[in-house]
Structure formats: C-alpha cells, structure tokens
C-alpha cells in the first residue's frame, strides 16, 4: 500500500515542479490524497474489468473463472481494508 502513497507523492512533486508557486505543506497533503484516491479508483476499476473478463468464458471454464473472480474480489476487499487503515 505504501507504493500507492509513493506514486501519489511523486505525482505531487511532478506537479509542484511545473507550478510558478509551490504548494504549501497542507496543499501538498491534500493533493497527494486526491491523487492517491484516483490511483485507488483506477486500480479497482482494472480489477473489476479482470473479474468481468474472467466470467466471460464457456460453461466448462466457468468453475475456474469463478475461482479467479472470487480471488480477485478477496484481494480487492483486502486492498480496501488496508488503504482504509492508512487514513
């Protein structure tokens, strides 16, 4: 989960580098939180697409697809729980 925070902080640094006046520390924290939320939403959207793709198989493959989808959902739940605890 720390990697997401690092990605958000790097994005803040990149944005700060192109601004004429730098963010205050409070603004930096707020922008990092906004970017982190956007990254999380993007990750979850990707995982939802993976679940949808796993479920679009023939009946003979459905058992494996459901197992994969359930695994992805469990990891989503774990990700959300871990990210919520970081706040």
PDB file of N, CA and C in Angstrom:
ATOM      1  N   UNK A   1       0.805  -1.184   0.000  1.00  0.00           N
ATOM      2  CA  UNK A   1       0.000   0.000   0.000  1.00  0.00           C
ATOM      3  C   UNK A   1       0.857   1.261   0.000  1.00  0.00           C
ATOM      4  N   UNK A   2       2.055   1.125   0.539  1.00  0.00           N
ATOM      5  CA  UNK A   2       2.961   2.262   0.566  1.00  0.00           C
ATOM      6  C   UNK A   2       3.339   2.691  -0.850  1.00  0.00           C
ATOM      7  N   UNK A   3       3.361   1.752  -1.781  1.00  0.00           N
ATOM      8  CA  UNK A   3       3.682   2.104  -3.162  1.00  0.00           C
ATOM      9  C   UNK A   3       2.687   3.105  -3.738  1.00  0.00           C
ATOM     10  N   UNK A   4       1.405   2.959  -3.376  1.00  0.00           N
ATOM     11  CA  UNK A   4       0.399   3.916  -3.854  1.00  0.00           C
ATOM     12  C   UNK A   4       0.684   5.306  -3.318  1.00  0.00           C
ATOM     13  N   UNK A   5       1.061   5.379  -2.045  1.00  0.00           N
ATOM     14  CA  UNK A   5       1.407   6.674  -1.446  1.00  0.00           C
ATOM     15  C   UNK A   5       2.628   7.253  -2.154  1.00  0.00           C
ATOM     16  N   UNK A   6       3.605   6.415  -2.464  1.00  0.00           N
ATOM     17  CA  UNK A   6       4.799   6.890  -3.172  1.00  0.00           C
ATOM     18  C   UNK A   6       4.447   7.413  -4.557  1.00  0.00           C
ATOM     19  N   UNK A   7       3.556   6.719  -5.244  1.00  0.00           N
ATOM     20  CA  UNK A   7       3.115   7.167  -6.573  1.00  0.00           C
ATOM     21  C   UNK A   7       2.427   8.523  -6.461  1.00  0.00           C
ATOM     22  N   UNK A   8       1.544   8.655  -5.468  1.00  0.00           N
ATOM     23  CA  UNK A   8       0.836   9.924  -5.270  1.00  0.00           C
ATOM     24  C   UNK A   8       1.821  11.041  -4.933  1.00  0.00           C
ATOM     25  N   UNK A   9       2.781  10.770  -4.058  1.00  0.00           N
ATOM     26  CA  UNK A   9       3.759  11.792  -3.677  1.00  0.00           C
ATOM     27  C   UNK A   9       4.634  12.192  -4.863  1.00  0.00           C
ATOM     28  N   UNK A  10       5.000  11.232  -5.701  1.00  0.00           N
ATOM     29  CA  UNK A  10       5.790  11.559  -6.893  1.00  0.00           C
ATOM     30  C   UNK A  10       4.980  12.435  -7.840  1.00  0.00           C
ATOM     31  N   UNK A  11       3.692  12.141  -7.977  1.00  0.00           N
ATOM     32  CA  UNK A  11       2.828  12.964  -8.835  1.00  0.00           C
ATOM     33  C   UNK A  11       2.736  14.388  -8.286  1.00  0.00           C
ATOM     34  N   UNK A  12       2.630  14.520  -6.968  1.00  0.00           N
ATOM     35  CA  UNK A  12       2.600  15.852  -6.352  1.00  0.00           C
ATOM     36  C   UNK A  12       3.908  16.590  -6.646  1.00  0.00           C
ATOM     37  N   UNK A  13       5.021  15.899  -6.486  1.00  0.00           N
ATOM     38  CA  UNK A  13       6.323  16.516  -6.780  1.00  0.00           C
ATOM     39  C   UNK A  13       6.407  16.957  -8.238  1.00  0.00           C
ATOM     40  N   UNK A  14       5.909  16.121  -9.137  1.00  0.00           N
ATOM     41  CA  UNK A  14       5.933  16.457 -10.565  1.00  0.00           C
ATOM     42  C   UNK A  14       5.071  17.685 -10.859  1.00  0.00           C
ATOM     43  N   UNK A  15       3.905  17.731 -10.247  1.00  0.00           N
ATOM     44  CA  UNK A  15       3.017  18.892 -10.438  1.00  0.00           C
ATOM     45  C   UNK A  15       3.666  20.130  -9.829  1.00  0.00           C
ATOM     46  N   UNK A  16       4.208  19.971  -8.634  1.00  0.00           N
ATOM     47  CA  UNK A  16       4.858  21.091  -7.948  1.00  0.00           C
ATOM     48  C   UNK A  16       6.004  21.665  -8.778  1.00  0.00           C
ATOM     49  N   UNK A  17       6.707  20.813  -9.505  1.00  0.00           N
ATOM     50  CA  UNK A  17       7.851  21.250 -10.303  1.00  0.00           C
ATOM     51  C   UNK A  17       7.450  22.180 -11.449  1.00  0.00           C
ATOM     52  N   UNK A  18       6.213  22.076 -11.903  1.00  0.00           N
ATOM     53  CA  UNK A  18       5.792  22.925 -13.027  1.00  0.00           C
ATOM     54  C   UNK A  18       5.001  24.156 -12.589  1.00  0.00           C
ATOM     55  N   UNK A  19       4.700  24.246 -11.297  1.00  0.00           N
ATOM     56  CA  UNK A  19       3.959  25.402 -10.803  1.00  0.00           C
ATOM     57  C   UNK A  19       4.883  26.600 -10.624  1.00  0.00           C
ATOM     58  N   UNK A  20       4.314  27.789 -10.808  1.00  0.00           N
ATOM     59  CA  UNK A  20       5.096  29.001 -10.588  1.00  0.00           C
ATOM     60  C   UNK A  20       5.297  29.248  -9.093  1.00  0.00           C
ATOM     61  N   UNK A  21       4.294  28.914  -8.302  1.00  0.00           N
ATOM     62  CA  UNK A  21       4.462  28.979  -6.837  1.00  0.00           C
ATOM     63  C   UNK A  21       4.145  27.599  -6.283  1.00  0.00           C
ATOM     64  N   UNK A  22       4.976  27.161  -5.362  1.00  0.00           N
ATOM     65  CA  UNK A  22       4.876  25.795  -4.837  1.00  0.00           C
ATOM     66  C   UNK A  22       3.667  25.647  -3.908  1.00  0.00           C
ATOM     67  N   UNK A  23       3.212  24.378  -3.773  1.00  0.00           N
ATOM     68  CA  UNK A  23       2.162  24.062  -2.820  1.00  0.00           C
ATOM     69  C   UNK A  23       2.652  24.320  -1.400  1.00  0.00           C
ATOM     70  N   UNK A  24       1.728  24.692  -0.533  1.00  0.00           N
ATOM     71  CA  UNK A  24       2.054  24.699   0.890  1.00  0.00           C
ATOM     72  C   UNK A  24       2.057  23.248   1.343  1.00  0.00           C
ATOM     73  N   UNK A  25       2.563  22.985   2.538  1.00  0.00           N
ATOM     74  CA  UNK A  25       2.598  21.611   3.062  1.00  0.00           C
ATOM     75  C   UNK A  25       1.177  21.047   3.141  1.00  0.00           C
ATOM     76  N   UNK A  26       0.225  21.868   3.580  1.00  0.00           N
ATOM     77  CA  UNK A  26      -1.175  21.422   3.685  1.00  0.00           C
ATOM     78  C   UNK A  26      -1.745  21.101   2.301  1.00  0.00           C
ATOM     79  N   UNK A  27      -1.462  21.963   1.320  1.00  0.00           N
ATOM     80  CA  UNK A  27      -1.928  21.716  -0.039  1.00  0.00           C
ATOM     81  C   UNK A  27      -1.285  20.458  -0.609  1.00  0.00           C
ATOM     82  N   UNK A  28      -0.006  20.255  -0.305  1.00  0.00           N
ATOM     83  CA  UNK A  28       0.687  19.052  -0.776  1.00  0.00           C
ATOM     84  C   UNK A  28      -0.009  17.802  -0.270  1.00  0.00           C
ATOM     85  N   UNK A  29      -0.356  17.789   1.001  1.00  0.00           N
ATOM     86  CA  UNK A  29      -1.039  16.638   1.599  1.00  0.00           C
ATOM     87  C   UNK A  29      -2.413  16.427   0.967  1.00  0.00           C
ATOM     88  N   UNK A  30      -3.137  17.514   0.725  1.00  0.00           N
ATOM     89  CA  UNK A  30      -4.466  17.414   0.120  1.00  0.00           C
ATOM     90  C   UNK A  30      -4.384  16.891  -1.312  1.00  0.00           C
ATOM     91  N   UNK A  31      -3.429  17.409  -2.079  1.00  0.00           N
ATOM     92  CA  UNK A  31      -3.268  16.968  -3.465  1.00  0.00           C
ATOM     93  C   UNK A  31      -2.829  15.500  -3.503  1.00  0.00           C
ATOM     94  N   UNK A  32      -1.924  15.115  -2.594  1.00  0.00           N
ATOM     95  CA  UNK A  32      -1.492  13.719  -2.539  1.00  0.00           C
ATOM     96  C   UNK A  32      -2.667  12.798  -2.236  1.00  0.00           C
ATOM     97  N   UNK A  33      -3.548  13.207  -1.334  1.00  0.00           N
ATOM     98  CA  UNK A  33      -4.729  12.396  -1.000  1.00  0.00           C
ATOM     99  C   UNK A  33      -5.652  12.267  -2.212  1.00  0.00           C
ATOM    100  N   UNK A  34      -5.831  13.345  -2.950  1.00  0.00           N
ATOM    101  CA  UNK A  34      -6.674  13.318  -4.156  1.00  0.00           C
ATOM    102  C   UNK A  34      -6.079  12.366  -5.195  1.00  0.00           C
ATOM    103  N   UNK A  35      -4.778  12.466  -5.410  1.00  0.00           N
ATOM    104  CA  UNK A  35      -4.114  11.602  -6.389  1.00  0.00           C
ATOM    105  C   UNK A  35      -4.176  10.151  -5.936  1.00  0.00           C
ATOM    106  N   UNK A  36      -3.945   9.907  -4.656  1.00  0.00           N
ATOM    107  CA  UNK A  36      -3.992   8.540  -4.136  1.00  0.00           C
ATOM    108  C   UNK A  36      -5.383   7.929  -4.343  1.00  0.00           C
ATOM    109  N   UNK A  37      -6.427   8.701  -4.073  1.00  0.00           N
ATOM    110  CA  UNK A  37      -7.792   8.207  -4.290  1.00  0.00           C
ATOM    111  C   UNK A  37      -8.026   7.877  -5.765  1.00  0.00           C
ATOM    112  N   UNK A  38      -7.498   8.722  -6.654  1.00  0.00           N
ATOM    113  CA  UNK A  38      -7.658   8.467  -8.091  1.00  0.00           C
ATOM    114  C   UNK A  38      -6.927   7.190  -8.499  1.00  0.00           C
ATOM    115  N   UNK A  39      -5.740   6.976  -7.952  1.00  0.00           N
ATOM    116  CA  UNK A  39      -4.977   5.764  -8.259  1.00  0.00           C
ATOM    117  C   UNK A  39      -5.738   4.535  -7.758  1.00  0.00           C
ATOM    118  N   UNK A  40      -6.282   4.614  -6.557  1.00  0.00           N
ATOM    119  CA  UNK A  40      -7.047   3.502  -5.985  1.00  0.00           C
ATOM    120  C   UNK A  40      -8.262   3.189  -6.851  1.00  0.00           C
ATOM    121  N   UNK A  41      -8.988   4.224  -7.257  1.00  0.00           N
ATOM    122  CA  UNK A  41     -10.154   4.017  -8.121  1.00  0.00           C
ATOM    123  C   UNK A  41      -9.750   3.352  -9.430  1.00  0.00           C
ATOM    124  N   UNK A  42      -8.628   3.776  -9.991  1.00  0.00           N
ATOM    125  CA  UNK A  42      -8.150   3.180 -11.245  1.00  0.00           C
ATOM    126  C   UNK A  42      -7.784   1.717 -11.043  1.00  0.00           C
ATOM    127  N   UNK A  43      -7.119   1.405  -9.936  1.00  0.00           N
ATOM    128  CA  UNK A  43      -6.772   0.008  -9.644  1.00  0.00           C
ATOM    129  C   UNK A  43      -8.018  -0.848  -9.492  1.00  0.00           C
ATOM    130  N   UNK A  44      -8.986  -0.335  -8.758  1.00  0.00           N
ATOM    131  CA  UNK A  44     -10.219  -1.095  -8.549  1.00  0.00           C
ATOM    132  C   UNK A  44     -10.982  -1.296  -9.853  1.00  0.00           C
ATOM    133  N   UNK A  45     -10.993  -0.278 -10.695  1.00  0.00           N
ATOM    134  CA  UNK A  45     -11.650  -0.410 -11.994  1.00  0.00           C
ATOM    135  C   UNK A  45     -10.971  -1.501 -12.813  1.00  0.00           C
ATOM    136  N   UNK A  46      -9.647  -1.526 -12.795  1.00  0.00           N
ATOM    137  CA  UNK A  46      -8.915  -2.572 -13.507  1.00  0.00           C
ATOM    138  C   UNK A  46      -9.243  -3.952 -12.975  1.00  0.00           C
ATOM    139  N   UNK A  47      -9.364  -4.065 -11.660  1.00  0.00           N
ATOM    140  CA  UNK A  47      -9.699  -5.359 -11.075  1.00  0.00           C
ATOM    141  C   UNK A  47     -11.130  -5.768 -11.418  1.00  0.00           C
ATOM    142  N   UNK A  48     -12.044  -4.798 -11.460  1.00  0.00           N
ATOM    143  CA  UNK A  48     -13.420  -5.111 -11.868  1.00  0.00           C
ATOM    144  C   UNK A  48     -13.446  -5.627 -13.306  1.00  0.00           C
ATOM    145  N   UNK A  49     -12.649  -5.015 -14.155  1.00  0.00           N
ATOM    146  CA  UNK A  49     -12.578  -5.472 -15.542  1.00  0.00           C
ATOM    147  C   UNK A  49     -11.995  -6.881 -15.631  1.00  0.00           C
ATOM    148  N   UNK A  50     -11.025  -7.167 -14.771  1.00  0.00           N
ATOM    149  CA  UNK A  50     -10.437  -8.510 -14.754  1.00  0.00           C
ATOM    150  C   UNK A  50     -11.483  -9.545 -14.334  1.00  0.00           C
ATOM    151  N   UNK A  51     -12.301  -9.202 -13.340  1.00  0.00           N
ATOM    152  CA  UNK A  51     -13.371 -10.109 -12.901  1.00  0.00           C
ATOM    153  C   UNK A  51     -14.350 -10.325 -14.048  1.00  0.00           C
ATOM    154  N   UNK A  52     -14.765  -9.242 -14.698  1.00  0.00           N
ATOM    155  CA  UNK A  52     -15.697  -9.363 -15.825  1.00  0.00           C
ATOM    156  C   UNK A  52     -15.116 -10.245 -16.929  1.00  0.00           C
ATOM    157  N   UNK A  53     -13.845 -10.059 -17.225  1.00  0.00           N
ATOM    158  CA  UNK A  53     -13.213 -10.864 -18.267  1.00  0.00           C
ATOM    159  C   UNK A  53     -13.152 -12.336 -17.864  1.00  0.00           C
ATOM    160  N   UNK A  54     -12.891 -12.583 -16.586  1.00  0.00           N
ATOM    161  CA  UNK A  54     -12.811 -13.967 -16.107  1.00  0.00           C
ATOM    162  C   UNK A  54     -14.165 -14.667 -16.211  1.00  0.00           C
ATOM    163  N   UNK A  55     -15.227 -13.919 -16.071  1.00  0.00           N
ATOM    164  CA  UNK A  55     -16.561 -14.523 -16.084  1.00  0.00           C
ATOM    165  C   UNK A  55     -17.125 -14.703 -17.493  1.00  0.00           C
ATOM    166  N   UNK A  56     -16.468 -14.220 -18.508  1.00  0.00           N
ATOM    167  CA  UNK A  56     -16.945 -14.328 -19.893  1.00  0.00           C
ATOM    168  C   UNK A  56     -16.294 -15.519 -20.589  1.00  0.00           C
ATOM    169  N   UNK A  57     -16.514 -16.699 -20.041  1.00  0.00           N
ATOM    170  CA  UNK A  57     -15.948 -17.918 -20.615  1.00  0.00           C
ATOM    171  C   UNK A  57     -17.052 -18.955 -20.805  1.00  0.00           C
ATOM    172  N   UNK A  58     -16.725 -20.008 -21.511  1.00  0.00           N
ATOM    173  CA  UNK A  58     -17.689 -21.072 -21.729  1.00  0.00           C
ATOM    174  C   UNK A  58     -18.018 -21.762 -20.407  1.00  0.00           C
ATOM    175  N   UNK A  59     -19.091 -22.533 -20.386  1.00  0.00           N
ATOM    176  CA  UNK A  59     -19.530 -23.184 -19.152  1.00  0.00           C
ATOM    177  C   UNK A  59     -18.462 -24.093 -18.561  1.00  0.00           C
ATOM    178  N   UNK A  60     -17.712 -24.759 -19.410  1.00  0.00           N
ATOM    179  CA  UNK A  60     -16.676 -25.658 -18.893  1.00  0.00           C
ATOM    180  C   UNK A  60     -15.568 -24.893 -18.174  1.00  0.00           C
ATOM    181  N   UNK A  61     -15.389 -23.643 -18.536  1.00  0.00           N
ATOM    182  CA  UNK A  61     -14.359 -22.821 -17.903  1.00  0.00           C
ATOM    183  C   UNK A  61     -14.911 -21.975 -16.761  1.00  0.00           C
ATOM    184  N   UNK A  62     -16.236 -21.995 -16.564  1.00  0.00           N
ATOM    185  CA  UNK A  62     -16.858 -21.135 -15.566  1.00  0.00           C
ATOM    186  C   UNK A  62     -16.371 -21.422 -14.146  1.00  0.00           C
ATOM    187  N   UNK A  63     -16.131 -22.686 -13.801  1.00  0.00           N
ATOM    188  CA  UNK A  63     -15.685 -23.006 -12.443  1.00  0.00           C
ATOM    189  C   UNK A  63     -14.353 -22.322 -12.143  1.00  0.00           C
ATOM    190  N   UNK A  64     -13.429 -22.423 -13.077  1.00  0.00           N
ATOM    191  CA  UNK A  64     -12.126 -21.768 -12.900  1.00  0.00           C
ATOM    192  C   UNK A  64     -12.301 -20.253 -12.902  1.00  0.00           C
ATOM    193  N   UNK A  65     -13.142 -19.752 -13.776  1.00  0.00           N
ATOM    194  CA  UNK A  65     -13.381 -18.310 -13.859  1.00  0.00           C
ATOM    195  C   UNK A  65     -13.958 -17.782 -12.552  1.00  0.00           C
ATOM    196  N   UNK A  66     -14.883 -18.518 -11.945  1.00  0.00           N
ATOM    197  CA  UNK A  66     -15.465 -18.084 -10.671  1.00  0.00           C
ATOM    198  C   UNK A  66     -14.416 -18.089  -9.565  1.00  0.00           C
ATOM    199  N   UNK A  67     -13.537 -19.080  -9.572  1.00  0.00           N
ATOM    200  CA  UNK A  67     -12.469 -19.120  -8.574  1.00  0.00           C
ATOM    201  C   UNK A  67     -11.534 -17.925  -8.734  1.00  0.00           C
ATOM    202  N   UNK A  68     -11.209 -17.603  -9.966  1.00  0.00           N
ATOM    203  CA  UNK A  68     -10.344 -16.451 -10.233  1.00  0.00           C
ATOM    204  C   UNK A  68     -11.049 -15.164  -9.811  1.00  0.00           C
ATOM    205  N   UNK A  69     -12.310 -15.031 -10.171  1.00  0.00           N
ATOM    206  CA  UNK A  69     -13.075 -13.836  -9.817  1.00  0.00           C
ATOM    207  C   UNK A  69     -13.175 -13.680  -8.300  1.00  0.00           C
ATOM    208  N   UNK A  70     -13.424 -14.786  -7.599  1.00  0.00           N
ATOM    209  CA  UNK A  70     -13.506 -14.720  -6.138  1.00  0.00           C
ATOM    210  C   UNK A  70     -12.166 -14.315  -5.536  1.00  0.00           C
ATOM    211  N   UNK A  71     -11.089 -14.816  -6.091  1.00  0.00           N
ATOM    212  CA  UNK A  71      -9.759 -14.441  -5.612  1.00  0.00           C
ATOM    213  C   UNK A  71      -9.508 -12.947  -5.813  1.00  0.00           C
ATOM    214  N   UNK A  72      -9.890 -12.439  -6.968  1.00  0.00           N
ATOM    215  CA  UNK A  72      -9.725 -11.007  -7.252  1.00  0.00           C
ATOM    216  C   UNK A  72     -10.565 -10.183  -6.283  1.00  0.00           C
ATOM    217  N   UNK A  73     -11.789 -10.600  -6.040  1.00  0.00           N
ATOM    218  CA  UNK A  73     -12.661  -9.868  -5.111  1.00  0.00           C
ATOM    219  C   UNK A  73     -12.089  -9.858  -3.696  1.00  0.00           C
ATOM    220  N   UNK A  74     -11.561 -11.001  -3.245  1.00  0.00           N
ATOM    221  CA  UNK A  74     -10.960 -11.061  -1.902  1.00  0.00           C
ATOM    222  C   UNK A  74      -9.773 -10.100  -1.815  1.00  0.00           C
ATOM    223  N   UNK A  75      -8.983 -10.062  -2.871  1.00  0.00           N
ATOM    224  CA  UNK A  75      -7.833  -9.151  -2.869  1.00  0.00           C
ATOM    225  C   UNK A  75      -8.292  -7.694  -2.903  1.00  0.00           C
ATOM    226  N   UNK A  76      -9.382  -7.419  -3.605  1.00  0.00           N
ATOM    227  CA  UNK A  76      -9.970  -6.072  -3.592  1.00  0.00           C
ATOM    228  C   UNK A  76     -10.366  -5.686  -2.178  1.00  0.00           C
ATOM    229  N   UNK A  77     -11.061  -6.612  -1.505  1.00  0.00           N
ATOM    230  CA  UNK A  77     -11.507  -6.333  -0.133  1.00  0.00           C
ATOM    231  C   UNK A  77     -10.321  -6.070   0.785  1.00  0.00           C
ATOM    232  N   UNK A  78      -9.265  -6.858   0.635  1.00  0.00           N
ATOM    233  CA  UNK A  78      -8.060  -6.677   1.438  1.00  0.00           C
ATOM    234  C   UNK A  78      -7.405  -5.335   1.129  1.00  0.00           C
ATOM    235  N   UNK A  79      -7.343  -4.984  -0.144  1.00  0.00           N
ATOM    236  CA  UNK A  79      -6.770  -3.707  -0.553  1.00  0.00           C
ATOM    237  C   UNK A  79      -7.545  -2.543   0.075  1.00  0.00           C
ATOM    238  N   UNK A  80      -8.850  -2.586  -0.011  1.00  0.00           N
ATOM    239  CA  UNK A  80      -9.684  -1.528   0.546  1.00  0.00           C
ATOM    240  C   UNK A  80      -9.498  -1.434   2.058  1.00  0.00           C
ATOM    241  N   UNK A  81      -9.469  -2.569   2.734  1.00  0.00           N
ATOM    242  CA  UNK A  81      -9.283  -2.585   4.190  1.00  0.00           C
ATOM    243  C   UNK A  81      -7.931  -1.991   4.565  1.00  0.00           C
ATOM    244  N   UNK A  82      -6.880  -2.373   3.841  1.00  0.00           N
ATOM    245  CA  UNK A  82      -5.546  -1.852   4.124  1.00  0.00           C
ATOM    246  C   UNK A  82      -5.453  -0.354   3.859  1.00  0.00           C
ATOM    247  N   UNK A  83      -6.044   0.085   2.769  1.00  0.00           N
ATOM    248  CA  UNK A  83      -5.995   1.511   2.443  1.00  0.00           C
ATOM    249  C   UNK A  83      -6.802   2.335   3.439  1.00  0.00           C
ATOM    250  N   UNK A  84      -7.922   1.783   3.880  1.00  0.00           N
ATOM    251  CA  UNK A  84      -8.746   2.490   4.867  1.00  0.00           C
ATOM    252  C   UNK A  84      -7.992   2.647   6.181  1.00  0.00           C
ATOM    253  N   UNK A  85      -7.200   1.648   6.552  1.00  0.00           N
ATOM    254  CA  UNK A  85      -6.458   1.714   7.810  1.00  0.00           C
ATOM    255  C   UNK A  85      -5.312   2.730   7.741  1.00  0.00           C
ATOM    256  N   UNK A  86      -4.859   3.082   6.537  1.00  0.00           N
ATOM    257  CA  UNK A  86      -3.784   4.054   6.390  1.00  0.00           C
ATOM    258  C   UNK A  86      -4.256   5.467   6.652  1.00  0.00           C
ATOM    259  N   UNK A  87      -5.511   5.714   6.585  1.00  0.00           N
ATOM    260  CA  UNK A  87      -6.047   7.069   6.729  1.00  0.00           C
ATOM    261  C   UNK A  87      -6.086   7.519   8.148  1.00  0.00           C
TER     262      UNK A  87
END
